[in-house]
PDB file of N, CA and C in Angstrom:
ATOM      1  N   UNK A   1     -85.405  17.959  -3.688  1.00  0.00           N
ATOM      2  CA  UNK A   1     -84.775  18.342  -2.565  1.00  0.00           C
ATOM      3  C   UNK A   1     -84.512  17.003  -2.076  1.00  0.00           C
ATOM      4  N   UNK A   2     -84.968  15.975  -2.263  1.00  0.00           N
ATOM      5  CA  UNK A   2     -84.716  14.446  -1.929  1.00  0.00           C
ATOM      6  C   UNK A   2     -83.353  14.363  -2.829  1.00  0.00           C
ATOM      7  N   UNK A   3     -83.184  14.586  -3.775  1.00  0.00           N
ATOM      8  CA  UNK A   3     -81.916  14.041  -4.693  1.00  0.00           C
ATOM      9  C   UNK A   3     -80.562  15.101  -4.518  1.00  0.00           C
ATOM     10  N   UNK A   4     -81.160  16.190  -3.634  1.00  0.00           N
ATOM     11  CA  UNK A   4     -79.655  17.145  -2.907  1.00  0.00           C
ATOM     12  C   UNK A   4     -79.557  16.306  -1.669  1.00  0.00           C
ATOM     13  N   UNK A   5     -80.422  15.802  -0.801  1.00  0.00           N
ATOM     14  CA  UNK A   5     -80.245  15.066   0.052  1.00  0.00           C
ATOM     15  C   UNK A   5     -79.473  13.623   0.128  1.00  0.00           C
ATOM     16  N   UNK A   6     -79.602  13.195  -0.266  1.00  0.00           N
ATOM     17  CA  UNK A   6     -78.965  11.888  -0.742  1.00  0.00           C
ATOM     18  C   UNK A   6     -77.605  12.014  -1.546  1.00  0.00           C
ATOM     19  N   UNK A   7     -77.611  12.835  -2.358  1.00  0.00           N
ATOM     20  CA  UNK A   7     -76.177  13.394  -2.939  1.00  0.00           C
ATOM     21  C   UNK A   7     -75.491  13.629  -1.613  1.00  0.00           C
ATOM     22  N   UNK A   8     -75.883  14.380  -0.879  1.00  0.00           N
ATOM     23  CA  UNK A   8     -75.173  15.120   0.154  1.00  0.00           C
ATOM     24  C   UNK A   8     -74.803  13.967   1.346  1.00  0.00           C
ATOM     25  N   UNK A   9     -75.341  12.451   1.124  1.00  0.00           N
ATOM     26  CA  UNK A   9     -75.188  11.416   1.978  1.00  0.00           C
ATOM     27  C   UNK A   9     -74.140  10.537   1.802  1.00  0.00           C
ATOM     28  N   UNK A  10     -74.257  10.376   0.383  1.00  0.00           N
ATOM     29  CA  UNK A  10     -73.431   9.789  -0.328  1.00  0.00           C
ATOM     30  C   UNK A  10     -71.662   9.868  -0.129  1.00  0.00           C
ATOM     31  N   UNK A  11     -70.760   9.261   0.469  1.00  0.00           N
ATOM     32  CA  UNK A  11     -69.637   9.435   0.453  1.00  0.00           C
ATOM     33  C   UNK A  11     -68.758   9.272  -0.932  1.00  0.00           C
ATOM     34  N   UNK A  12     -67.705  10.473  -0.613  1.00  0.00           N
ATOM     35  CA  UNK A  12     -66.951  10.581  -1.361  1.00  0.00           C
ATOM     36  C   UNK A  12     -65.937   9.378  -1.802  1.00  0.00           C
ATOM     37  N   UNK A  13     -65.072   9.106  -2.939  1.00  0.00           N
ATOM     38  CA  UNK A  13     -64.155   8.281  -2.889  1.00  0.00           C
ATOM     39  C   UNK A  13     -63.146   8.552  -3.597  1.00  0.00           C
ATOM     40  N   UNK A  14     -62.294   7.673  -2.400  1.00  0.00           N
ATOM     41  CA  UNK A  14     -60.841   8.799  -2.780  1.00  0.00           C
ATOM     42  C   UNK A  14     -59.943   7.220  -3.160  1.00  0.00           C
ATOM     43  N   UNK A  15     -58.884   7.710  -4.397  1.00  0.00           N
ATOM     44  CA  UNK A  15     -57.768   6.775  -4.529  1.00  0.00           C
ATOM     45  C   UNK A  15     -56.399   7.363  -3.972  1.00  0.00           C
ATOM     46  N   UNK A  16     -55.803   6.735  -3.123  1.00  0.00           N
ATOM     47  CA  UNK A  16     -54.591   6.924  -2.815  1.00  0.00           C
ATOM     48  C   UNK A  16     -53.556   6.581  -3.248  1.00  0.00           C
ATOM     49  N   UNK A  17     -52.462   7.167  -4.131  1.00  0.00           N
ATOM     50  CA  UNK A  17     -51.767   6.322  -4.942  1.00  0.00           C
ATOM     51  C   UNK A  17     -49.958   6.551  -3.978  1.00  0.00           C
ATOM     52  N   UNK A  18     -49.619   5.602  -3.563  1.00  0.00           N
ATOM     53  CA  UNK A  18     -48.493   5.216  -2.790  1.00  0.00           C
ATOM     54  C   UNK A  18     -48.689   5.257  -1.131  1.00  0.00           C
ATOM     55  N   UNK A  19     -48.045   4.604  -0.647  1.00  0.00           N
ATOM     56  CA  UNK A  19     -48.580   4.580   0.550  1.00  0.00           C
ATOM     57  C   UNK A  19     -47.032   4.686   1.565  1.00  0.00           C
ATOM     58  N   UNK A  20     -46.484   5.883   1.050  1.00  0.00           N
ATOM     59  CA  UNK A  20     -45.275   6.756   1.758  1.00  0.00           C
ATOM     60  C   UNK A  20     -45.989   7.633   2.888  1.00  0.00           C
ATOM     61  N   UNK A  21     -45.110   8.366   3.144  1.00  0.00           N
ATOM     62  CA  UNK A  21     -45.585   9.476   4.154  1.00  0.00           C
ATOM     63  C   UNK A  21     -46.678   9.804   4.080  1.00  0.00           C
ATOM     64  N   UNK A  22     -46.637  10.742   2.460  1.00  0.00           N
ATOM     65  CA  UNK A  22     -47.922  11.324   2.748  1.00  0.00           C
ATOM     66  C   UNK A  22     -49.092  10.548   2.380  1.00  0.00           C
ATOM     67  N   UNK A  23     -48.960   9.866   1.721  1.00  0.00           N
ATOM     68  CA  UNK A  23     -49.939   8.955   0.860  1.00  0.00           C
ATOM     69  C   UNK A  23     -50.282   7.623   2.459  1.00  0.00           C
ATOM     70  N   UNK A  24     -49.413   7.404   3.288  1.00  0.00           N
ATOM     71  CA  UNK A  24     -50.351   6.459   4.442  1.00  0.00           C
ATOM     72  C   UNK A  24     -50.945   7.760   5.746  1.00  0.00           C
ATOM     73  N   UNK A  25     -50.109   9.177   5.539  1.00  0.00           N
ATOM     74  CA  UNK A  25     -51.206   9.971   6.122  1.00  0.00           C
ATOM     75  C   UNK A  25     -52.467  10.069   5.415  1.00  0.00           C
ATOM     76  N   UNK A  26     -52.407  10.294   4.331  1.00  0.00           N
ATOM     77  CA  UNK A  26     -53.659  10.989   3.710  1.00  0.00           C
ATOM     78  C   UNK A  26     -54.785   9.739   3.787  1.00  0.00           C
ATOM     79  N   UNK A  27     -54.283   8.759   3.734  1.00  0.00           N
ATOM     80  CA  UNK A  27     -55.248   7.279   3.654  1.00  0.00           C
ATOM     81  C   UNK A  27     -55.886   7.452   4.803  1.00  0.00           C
ATOM     82  N   UNK A  28     -54.901   7.680   6.258  1.00  0.00           N
ATOM     83  CA  UNK A  28     -55.386   7.400   7.908  1.00  0.00           C
ATOM     84  C   UNK A  28     -56.531   8.750   7.778  1.00  0.00           C
ATOM     85  N   UNK A  29     -55.791   9.888   7.467  1.00  0.00           N
ATOM     86  CA  UNK A  29     -56.998  11.006   7.736  1.00  0.00           C
ATOM     87  C   UNK A  29     -58.168  10.868   7.294  1.00  0.00           C
ATOM     88  N   UNK A  30     -58.201  10.701   5.971  1.00  0.00           N
ATOM     89  CA  UNK A  30     -59.598  10.563   5.112  1.00  0.00           C
ATOM     90  C   UNK A  30     -60.554   9.284   5.290  1.00  0.00           C
ATOM     91  N   UNK A  31     -59.891   8.472   5.602  1.00  0.00           N
ATOM     92  CA  UNK A  31     -60.970   6.791   5.878  1.00  0.00           C
ATOM     93  C   UNK A  31     -62.241   7.331   6.946  1.00  0.00           C
ATOM     94  N   UNK A  32     -62.069   8.273   7.325  1.00  0.00           N
ATOM     95  CA  UNK A  32     -63.590   8.332   8.231  1.00  0.00           C
ATOM     96  C   UNK A  32     -64.309   9.173   7.564  1.00  0.00           C
ATOM     97  N   UNK A  33     -64.069   9.738   6.333  1.00  0.00           N
ATOM     98  CA  UNK A  33     -64.965  10.905   5.544  1.00  0.00           C
ATOM     99  C   UNK A  33     -65.227  10.194   4.764  1.00  0.00           C
ATOM    100  N   UNK A  34     -64.531   9.579   3.865  1.00  0.00           N
ATOM    101  CA  UNK A  34     -64.792   8.654   2.490  1.00  0.00           C
ATOM    102  C   UNK A  34     -64.137   7.686   2.313  1.00  0.00           C
ATOM    103  N   UNK A  35     -64.880   6.860   1.046  1.00  0.00           N
ATOM    104  CA  UNK A  35     -64.487   5.567   1.195  1.00  0.00           C
ATOM    105  C   UNK A  35     -63.044   5.972   0.389  1.00  0.00           C
ATOM    106  N   UNK A  36     -61.804   5.014   0.900  1.00  0.00           N
ATOM    107  CA  UNK A  36     -60.662   5.380   0.163  1.00  0.00           C
ATOM    108  C   UNK A  36     -59.879   3.641   0.038  1.00  0.00           C
ATOM    109  N   UNK A  37     -59.377   4.158  -1.094  1.00  0.00           N
ATOM    110  CA  UNK A  37     -58.474   3.139  -1.540  1.00  0.00           C
ATOM    111  C   UNK A  37     -57.300   3.277  -1.696  1.00  0.00           C
ATOM    112  N   UNK A  38     -56.164   2.860  -0.895  1.00  0.00           N
ATOM    113  CA  UNK A  38     -54.732   2.636  -1.051  1.00  0.00           C
ATOM    114  C   UNK A  38     -54.033   2.058  -1.855  1.00  0.00           C
ATOM    115  N   UNK A  39     -53.548   2.182  -3.134  1.00  0.00           N
ATOM    116  CA  UNK A  39     -52.860   1.669  -4.094  1.00  0.00           C
ATOM    117  C   UNK A  39     -51.094   1.664  -3.488  1.00  0.00           C
ATOM    118  N   UNK A  40     -50.376   0.362  -3.167  1.00  0.00           N
ATOM    119  CA  UNK A  40     -49.098   0.610  -2.733  1.00  0.00           C
ATOM    120  C   UNK A  40     -48.624  -0.901  -3.266  1.00  0.00           C
ATOM    121  N   UNK A  41     -47.312  -0.691  -3.556  1.00  0.00           N
ATOM    122  CA  UNK A  41     -46.728  -2.264  -3.735  1.00  0.00           C
ATOM    123  C   UNK A  41     -46.368  -2.914  -2.544  1.00  0.00           C
ATOM    124  N   UNK A  42     -46.411  -2.271  -1.776  1.00  0.00           N
ATOM    125  CA  UNK A  42     -45.839  -3.141  -0.199  1.00  0.00           C
ATOM    126  C   UNK A  42     -47.047  -3.277   0.963  1.00  0.00           C
ATOM    127  N   UNK A  43     -47.668  -4.256   1.310  1.00  0.00           N
ATOM    128  CA  UNK A  43     -48.047  -4.116   2.516  1.00  0.00           C
ATOM    129  C   UNK A  43     -48.230  -3.588   3.639  1.00  0.00           C
ATOM    130  N   UNK A  44     -47.144  -2.661   3.468  1.00  0.00           N
ATOM    131  CA  UNK A  44     -46.412  -1.852   4.419  1.00  0.00           C
ATOM    132  C   UNK A  44     -45.999  -0.734   5.019  1.00  0.00           C
ATOM    133  N   UNK A  45     -45.956   0.188   5.595  1.00  0.00           N
ATOM    134  CA  UNK A  45     -44.898   1.502   5.528  1.00  0.00           C
ATOM    135  C   UNK A  45     -43.930   1.292   6.292  1.00  0.00           C
ATOM    136  N   UNK A  46     -43.034   1.723   5.461  1.00  0.00           N
ATOM    137  CA  UNK A  46     -41.408   1.787   5.981  1.00  0.00           C
ATOM    138  C   UNK A  46     -40.732   3.067   6.575  1.00  0.00           C
ATOM    139  N   UNK A  47     -40.461   3.284   7.783  1.00  0.00           N
ATOM    140  CA  UNK A  47     -39.975   4.713   8.138  1.00  0.00           C
ATOM    141  C   UNK A  47     -38.424   4.338   7.852  1.00  0.00           C
ATOM    142  N   UNK A  48     -38.024   4.738   6.614  1.00  0.00           N
ATOM    143  CA  UNK A  48     -36.897   4.178   6.210  1.00  0.00           C
ATOM    144  C   UNK A  48     -35.716   5.342   7.237  1.00  0.00           C
ATOM    145  N   UNK A  49     -35.534   6.405   7.220  1.00  0.00           N
ATOM    146  CA  UNK A  49     -35.079   7.429   8.135  1.00  0.00           C
ATOM    147  C   UNK A  49     -34.725   6.711   9.325  1.00  0.00           C
ATOM    148  N   UNK A  50     -35.568   5.651  10.023  1.00  0.00           N
ATOM    149  CA  UNK A  50     -35.243   5.104  11.102  1.00  0.00           C
ATOM    150  C   UNK A  50     -34.031   4.094  10.724  1.00  0.00           C
ATOM    151  N   UNK A  51     -33.746   3.783  10.023  1.00  0.00           N
ATOM    152  CA  UNK A  51     -32.502   2.145   9.570  1.00  0.00           C
ATOM    153  C   UNK A  51     -31.589   2.443  10.077  1.00  0.00           C
ATOM    154  N   UNK A  52     -30.502   3.922  10.171  1.00  0.00           N
ATOM    155  CA  UNK A  52     -29.488   3.865  10.862  1.00  0.00           C
ATOM    156  C   UNK A  52     -29.892   3.331  12.434  1.00  0.00           C
ATOM    157  N   UNK A  53     -30.692   4.015  12.958  1.00  0.00           N
ATOM    158  CA  UNK A  53     -31.015   3.519  14.214  1.00  0.00           C
ATOM    159  C   UNK A  53     -30.895   1.968  14.467  1.00  0.00           C
ATOM    160  N   UNK A  54     -31.672   1.283  13.690  1.00  0.00           N
ATOM    161  CA  UNK A  54     -32.039  -0.028  13.434  1.00  0.00           C
ATOM    162  C   UNK A  54     -30.616  -0.688  13.465  1.00  0.00           C
ATOM    163  N   UNK A  55     -29.330  -0.151  12.694  1.00  0.00           N
ATOM    164  CA  UNK A  55     -28.167  -1.277  12.855  1.00  0.00           C
ATOM    165  C   UNK A  55     -27.321  -1.151  14.238  1.00  0.00           C
ATOM    166  N   UNK A  56     -27.757   0.071  15.109  1.00  0.00           N
ATOM    167  CA  UNK A  56     -26.902  -0.198  15.745  1.00  0.00           C
ATOM    168  C   UNK A  56     -27.571  -0.669  17.269  1.00  0.00           C
ATOM    169  N   UNK A  57     -29.331  -0.698  17.324  1.00  0.00           N
ATOM    170  CA  UNK A  57     -30.488  -1.115  18.460  1.00  0.00           C
ATOM    171  C   UNK A  57     -31.527  -2.109  17.347  1.00  0.00           C
ATOM    172  N   UNK A  58     -30.819  -3.405  16.888  1.00  0.00           N
ATOM    173  CA  UNK A  58     -31.534  -4.127  15.761  1.00  0.00           C
ATOM    174  C   UNK A  58     -33.280  -4.381  16.113  1.00  0.00           C
ATOM    175  N   UNK A  59     -33.530  -4.726  17.935  1.00  0.00           N
ATOM    176  CA  UNK A  59     -34.627  -4.449  18.578  1.00  0.00           C
ATOM    177  C   UNK A  59     -36.013  -3.420  17.648  1.00  0.00           C
ATOM    178  N   UNK A  60     -35.085  -2.638  17.566  1.00  0.00           N
ATOM    179  CA  UNK A  60     -36.140  -1.105  17.309  1.00  0.00           C
ATOM    180  C   UNK A  60     -36.341  -1.555  15.868  1.00  0.00           C
ATOM    181  N   UNK A  61     -35.805  -2.004  15.305  1.00  0.00           N
ATOM    182  CA  UNK A  61     -35.905  -2.308  13.510  1.00  0.00           C
ATOM    183  C   UNK A  61     -37.405  -2.726  13.593  1.00  0.00           C
ATOM    184  N   UNK A  62     -38.014  -4.021  14.066  1.00  0.00           N
ATOM    185  CA  UNK A  62     -39.572  -4.019  14.180  1.00  0.00           C
ATOM    186  C   UNK A  62     -40.474  -3.327  13.912  1.00  0.00           C
ATOM    187  N   UNK A  63     -40.192  -2.030  14.766  1.00  0.00           N
ATOM    188  CA  UNK A  63     -41.318  -0.698  14.903  1.00  0.00           C
ATOM    189  C   UNK A  63     -41.289   0.050  13.758  1.00  0.00           C
ATOM    190  N   UNK A  64     -40.111   0.042  12.969  1.00  0.00           N
ATOM    191  CA  UNK A  64     -39.979   0.687  11.547  1.00  0.00           C
ATOM    192  C   UNK A  64     -40.859   0.358  10.632  1.00  0.00           C
ATOM    193  N   UNK A  65     -41.454  -0.817  10.540  1.00  0.00           N
ATOM    194  CA  UNK A  65     -42.409  -1.032  10.290  1.00  0.00           C
ATOM    195  C   UNK A  65     -43.670  -1.323  10.646  1.00  0.00           C
ATOM    196  N   UNK A  66     -44.945  -0.197   9.614  1.00  0.00           N
ATOM    197  CA  UNK A  66     -46.076  -0.656  10.361  1.00  0.00           C
ATOM    198  C   UNK A  66     -46.758  -0.949   8.778  1.00  0.00           C
ATOM    199  N   UNK A  67     -47.860  -2.504   8.941  1.00  0.00           N
ATOM    200  CA  UNK A  67     -48.631  -2.562   7.898  1.00  0.00           C
ATOM    201  C   UNK A  67     -49.829  -1.884   7.855  1.00  0.00           C
ATOM    202  N   UNK A  68     -49.927  -1.525   6.242  1.00  0.00           N
ATOM    203  CA  UNK A  68     -50.932  -0.482   6.247  1.00  0.00           C
ATOM    204  C   UNK A  68     -52.143  -0.752   7.277  1.00  0.00           C
ATOM    205  N   UNK A  69     -52.781  -2.237   6.869  1.00  0.00           N
ATOM    206  CA  UNK A  69     -54.000  -2.440   7.799  1.00  0.00           C
ATOM    207  C   UNK A  69     -54.119  -1.981   9.013  1.00  0.00           C
ATOM    208  N   UNK A  70     -52.969  -1.900   9.931  1.00  0.00           N
ATOM    209  CA  UNK A  70     -52.913  -1.693  11.404  1.00  0.00           C
ATOM    210  C   UNK A  70     -53.237  -0.092  11.519  1.00  0.00           C
ATOM    211  N   UNK A  71     -53.182   0.504  10.751  1.00  0.00           N
ATOM    212  CA  UNK A  71     -53.774   2.084  11.274  1.00  0.00           C
ATOM    213  C   UNK A  71     -54.645   2.428   9.965  1.00  0.00           C
ATOM    214  N   UNK A  72     -55.068   1.580   8.858  1.00  0.00           N
ATOM    215  CA  UNK A  72     -55.994   2.177   7.992  1.00  0.00           C
ATOM    216  C   UNK A  72     -57.033   1.048   8.293  1.00  0.00           C
ATOM    217  N   UNK A  73     -57.908   1.153   8.927  1.00  0.00           N
ATOM    218  CA  UNK A  73     -58.758   0.123   9.330  1.00  0.00           C
ATOM    219  C   UNK A  73     -59.988  -0.205   8.380  1.00  0.00           C
ATOM    220  N   UNK A  74     -60.315   0.947   7.751  1.00  0.00           N
ATOM    221  CA  UNK A  74     -61.754   1.464   7.526  1.00  0.00           C
ATOM    222  C   UNK A  74     -61.687   1.616   5.652  1.00  0.00           C
ATOM    223  N   UNK A  75     -60.688   1.420   5.406  1.00  0.00           N
ATOM    224  CA  UNK A  75     -60.358   1.591   3.974  1.00  0.00           C
ATOM    225  C   UNK A  75     -59.946   0.310   3.323  1.00  0.00           C
ATOM    226  N   UNK A  76     -59.360   0.448   1.736  1.00  0.00           N
ATOM    227  CA  UNK A  76     -58.943  -0.815   1.473  1.00  0.00           C
ATOM    228  C   UNK A  76     -57.892  -0.614   0.828  1.00  0.00           C
ATOM    229  N   UNK A  77     -57.152  -1.746   0.906  1.00  0.00           N
ATOM    230  CA  UNK A  77     -55.789  -1.305   0.310  1.00  0.00           C
ATOM    231  C   UNK A  77     -55.407  -2.198  -0.965  1.00  0.00           C
ATOM    232  N   UNK A  78     -55.153  -1.959  -1.977  1.00  0.00           N
ATOM    233  CA  UNK A  78     -54.315  -2.792  -3.196  1.00  0.00           C
ATOM    234  C   UNK A  78     -53.132  -2.853  -3.041  1.00  0.00           C
ATOM    235  N   UNK A  79     -52.612  -3.972  -3.034  1.00  0.00           N
ATOM    236  CA  UNK A  79     -50.917  -4.293  -2.757  1.00  0.00           C
ATOM    237  C   UNK A  79     -50.556  -4.438  -4.223  1.00  0.00           C
ATOM    238  N   UNK A  80     -50.255  -3.404  -5.177  1.00  0.00           N
ATOM    239  CA  UNK A  80     -50.105  -3.233  -6.169  1.00  0.00           C
ATOM    240  C   UNK A  80     -49.237  -2.197  -6.732  1.00  0.00           C
ATOM    241  N   UNK A  81     -48.323  -2.637  -7.687  1.00  0.00           N
ATOM    242  CA  UNK A  81     -47.765  -0.865  -8.406  1.00  0.00           C
ATOM    243  C   UNK A  81     -48.949  -0.211  -8.951  1.00  0.00           C
ATOM    244  N   UNK A  82     -48.744   0.889  -9.002  1.00  0.00           N
ATOM    245  CA  UNK A  82     -49.873   1.438 -10.166  1.00  0.00           C
ATOM    246  C   UNK A  82     -48.805   1.397 -11.456  1.00  0.00           C
ATOM    247  N   UNK A  83     -49.536   1.483 -12.518  1.00  0.00           N
ATOM    248  CA  UNK A  83     -49.232   1.223 -13.900  1.00  0.00           C
ATOM    249  C   UNK A  83     -49.305   2.632 -15.032  1.00  0.00           C
ATOM    250  N   UNK A  84     -50.868   3.337 -14.346  1.00  0.00           N
ATOM    251  CA  UNK A  84     -51.253   4.095 -15.189  1.00  0.00           C
ATOM    252  C   UNK A  84     -52.060   4.757 -14.507  1.00  0.00           C
ATOM    253  N   UNK A  85     -52.524   6.324 -14.381  1.00  0.00           N
ATOM    254  CA  UNK A  85     -53.464   7.034 -13.481  1.00  0.00           C
ATOM    255  C   UNK A  85     -54.007   8.366 -14.872  1.00  0.00           C
ATOM    256  N   UNK A  86     -55.060   8.340 -14.446  1.00  0.00           N
ATOM    257  CA  UNK A  86     -55.667   9.194 -15.465  1.00  0.00           C
ATOM    258  C   UNK A  86     -56.816   9.487 -14.642  1.00  0.00           C
ATOM    259  N   UNK A  87     -57.316  10.738 -14.765  1.00  0.00           N
ATOM    260  CA  UNK A  87     -58.314  11.648 -14.136  1.00  0.00           C
ATOM    261  C   UNK A  87     -59.873  10.651 -13.614  1.00  0.00           C
ATOM    262  N   UNK A  88     -59.825   9.329 -14.293  1.00  0.00           N
ATOM    263  CA  UNK A  88     -61.108   8.555 -13.533  1.00  0.00           C
ATOM    264  C   UNK A  88     -61.004   7.515 -13.647  1.00  0.00           C
ATOM    265  N   UNK A  89     -59.485   6.470 -14.135  1.00  0.00           N
ATOM    266  CA  UNK A  89     -59.549   5.406 -14.170  1.00  0.00           C
ATOM    267  C   UNK A  89     -57.904   5.218 -13.280  1.00  0.00           C
ATOM    268  N   UNK A  90     -57.615   4.885 -12.184  1.00  0.00           N
ATOM    269  CA  UNK A  90     -56.428   4.302 -11.646  1.00  0.00           C
ATOM    270  C   UNK A  90     -56.335   3.220 -12.186  1.00  0.00           C
ATOM    271  N   UNK A  91     -55.097   2.376 -12.843  1.00  0.00           N
ATOM    272  CA  UNK A  91     -54.952   1.142 -12.972  1.00  0.00           C
ATOM    273  C   UNK A  91     -53.445   0.852 -11.860  1.00  0.00           C
ATOM    274  N   UNK A  92     -53.732  -0.281 -12.166  1.00  0.00           N
ATOM    275  CA  UNK A  92     -52.609  -1.081 -10.853  1.00  0.00           C
ATOM    276  C   UNK A  92     -52.364  -2.262 -11.846  1.00  0.00           C
ATOM    277  N   UNK A  93     -50.980  -3.073 -11.414  1.00  0.00           N
ATOM    278  CA  UNK A  93     -50.999  -4.012 -12.107  1.00  0.00           C
ATOM    279  C   UNK A  93     -51.514  -5.213 -11.832  1.00  0.00           C
ATOM    280  N   UNK A  94     -52.521  -5.311 -10.433  1.00  0.00           N
ATOM    281  CA  UNK A  94     -53.856  -6.033 -10.556  1.00  0.00           C
ATOM    282  C   UNK A  94     -54.643  -6.295 -11.568  1.00  0.00           C
ATOM    283  N   UNK A  95     -55.029  -5.152 -11.992  1.00  0.00           N
ATOM    284  CA  UNK A  95     -56.011  -4.736 -12.755  1.00  0.00           C
ATOM    285  C   UNK A  95     -55.457  -5.383 -14.292  1.00  0.00           C
ATOM    286  N   UNK A  96     -53.993  -5.186 -14.676  1.00  0.00           N
ATOM    287  CA  UNK A  96     -53.503  -6.057 -15.705  1.00  0.00           C
ATOM    288  C   UNK A  96     -53.491  -7.682 -15.562  1.00  0.00           C
ATOM    289  N   UNK A  97     -53.559  -8.092 -14.653  1.00  0.00           N
ATOM    290  CA  UNK A  97     -53.572  -9.366 -14.030  1.00  0.00           C
ATOM    291  C   UNK A  97     -54.409  -9.594 -13.781  1.00  0.00           C
ATOM    292  N   UNK A  98     -55.701  -9.293 -14.249  1.00  0.00           N
ATOM    293  CA  UNK A  98     -57.335 -10.072 -13.695  1.00  0.00           C
ATOM    294  C   UNK A  98     -58.156  -9.093 -12.945  1.00  0.00           C
ATOM    295  N   UNK A  99     -57.352  -8.458 -12.041  1.00  0.00           N
ATOM    296  CA  UNK A  99     -58.318  -7.845 -10.754  1.00  0.00           C
ATOM    297  C   UNK A  99     -58.602  -6.738 -11.106  1.00  0.00           C
ATOM    298  N   UNK A 100     -59.845  -6.300 -10.740  1.00  0.00           N
ATOM    299  CA  UNK A 100     -60.282  -4.937 -11.792  1.00  0.00           C
ATOM    300  C   UNK A 100     -60.227  -3.870 -10.494  1.00  0.00           C
ATOM    301  N   UNK A 101     -59.508  -3.046 -10.550  1.00  0.00           N
ATOM    302  CA  UNK A 101     -59.593  -1.730  -9.388  1.00  0.00           C
ATOM    303  C   UNK A 101     -60.822  -1.512  -9.207  1.00  0.00           C
ATOM    304  N   UNK A 102     -61.559  -0.989 -10.809  1.00  0.00           N
ATOM    305  CA  UNK A 102     -62.867  -0.317 -10.898  1.00  0.00           C
ATOM    306  C   UNK A 102     -63.988  -0.819  -9.881  1.00  0.00           C
ATOM    307  N   UNK A 103     -63.921  -2.102  -9.668  1.00  0.00           N
ATOM    308  CA  UNK A 103     -64.832  -3.020  -9.040  1.00  0.00           C
ATOM    309  C   UNK A 103     -64.709  -2.652  -7.007  1.00  0.00           C
ATOM    310  N   UNK A 104     -63.153  -2.116  -6.738  1.00  0.00           N
ATOM    311  CA  UNK A 104     -62.885  -1.885  -5.429  1.00  0.00           C
ATOM    312  C   UNK A 104     -63.514  -0.658  -5.417  1.00  0.00           C
ATOM    313  N   UNK A 105     -63.169   0.329  -6.324  1.00  0.00           N
ATOM    314  CA  UNK A 105     -64.105   1.785  -6.438  1.00  0.00           C
ATOM    315  C   UNK A 105     -65.762   1.850  -6.344  1.00  0.00           C
ATOM    316  N   UNK A 106     -65.957   1.105  -7.280  1.00  0.00           N
ATOM    317  CA  UNK A 106     -67.417   1.367  -6.942  1.00  0.00           C
ATOM    318  C   UNK A 106     -67.997   0.148  -5.785  1.00  0.00           C
ATOM    319  N   UNK A 107     -67.110  -0.086  -4.949  1.00  0.00           N
ATOM    320  CA  UNK A 107     -67.839  -0.708  -3.561  1.00  0.00           C
ATOM    321  C   UNK A 107     -67.800  -2.383  -3.786  1.00  0.00           C
ATOM    322  N   UNK A 108     -67.715  -2.840  -4.817  1.00  0.00           N
ATOM    323  CA  UNK A 108     -67.574  -4.448  -4.981  1.00  0.00           C
ATOM    324  C   UNK A 108     -66.339  -5.053  -5.042  1.00  0.00           C
ATOM    325  N   UNK A 109     -66.546  -6.239  -4.729  1.00  0.00           N
ATOM    326  CA  UNK A 109     -65.245  -7.152  -4.513  1.00  0.00           C
ATOM    327  C   UNK A 109     -63.905  -6.607  -3.218  1.00  0.00           C
ATOM    328  N   UNK A 110     -64.523  -5.907  -2.079  1.00  0.00           N
ATOM    329  CA  UNK A 110     -63.540  -5.059  -1.184  1.00  0.00           C
ATOM    330  C   UNK A 110     -63.129  -6.461  -0.226  1.00  0.00           C
ATOM    331  N   UNK A 111     -62.050  -6.618  -0.147  1.00  0.00           N
ATOM    332  CA  UNK A 111     -61.489  -7.313   0.629  1.00  0.00           C
ATOM    333  C   UNK A 111     -60.916  -7.204   2.151  1.00  0.00           C
ATOM    334  N   UNK A 112     -60.927  -5.557   2.050  1.00  0.00           N
ATOM    335  CA  UNK A 112     -60.989  -5.083   3.374  1.00  0.00           C
ATOM    336  C   UNK A 112     -60.504  -4.686   4.473  1.00  0.00           C
TER     337      UNK A 112
END
């Protein structure tokens, strides 16, 4: 019985690949229910459909870029392109450069 209780208290780990509209929303909604890692080549979410308005109203442009860390406070952001995705091991180019993403997924080496 104790094994069942500890398994139910253990949080799920989720990896979201790319921080576009769907990825950013998924990461934001899941961050309170799971340990979420967002892998995106950019540090920010860009509202691209607002670029036309930004051309005629330049002050609007700064509201079209939202840093992932502004809305995604409880998760982990890996700023790197995804290079290979399997069912068990998502790889980013950071992994290829020596930063092991698996450590982030295991809860070690989180920066935040």
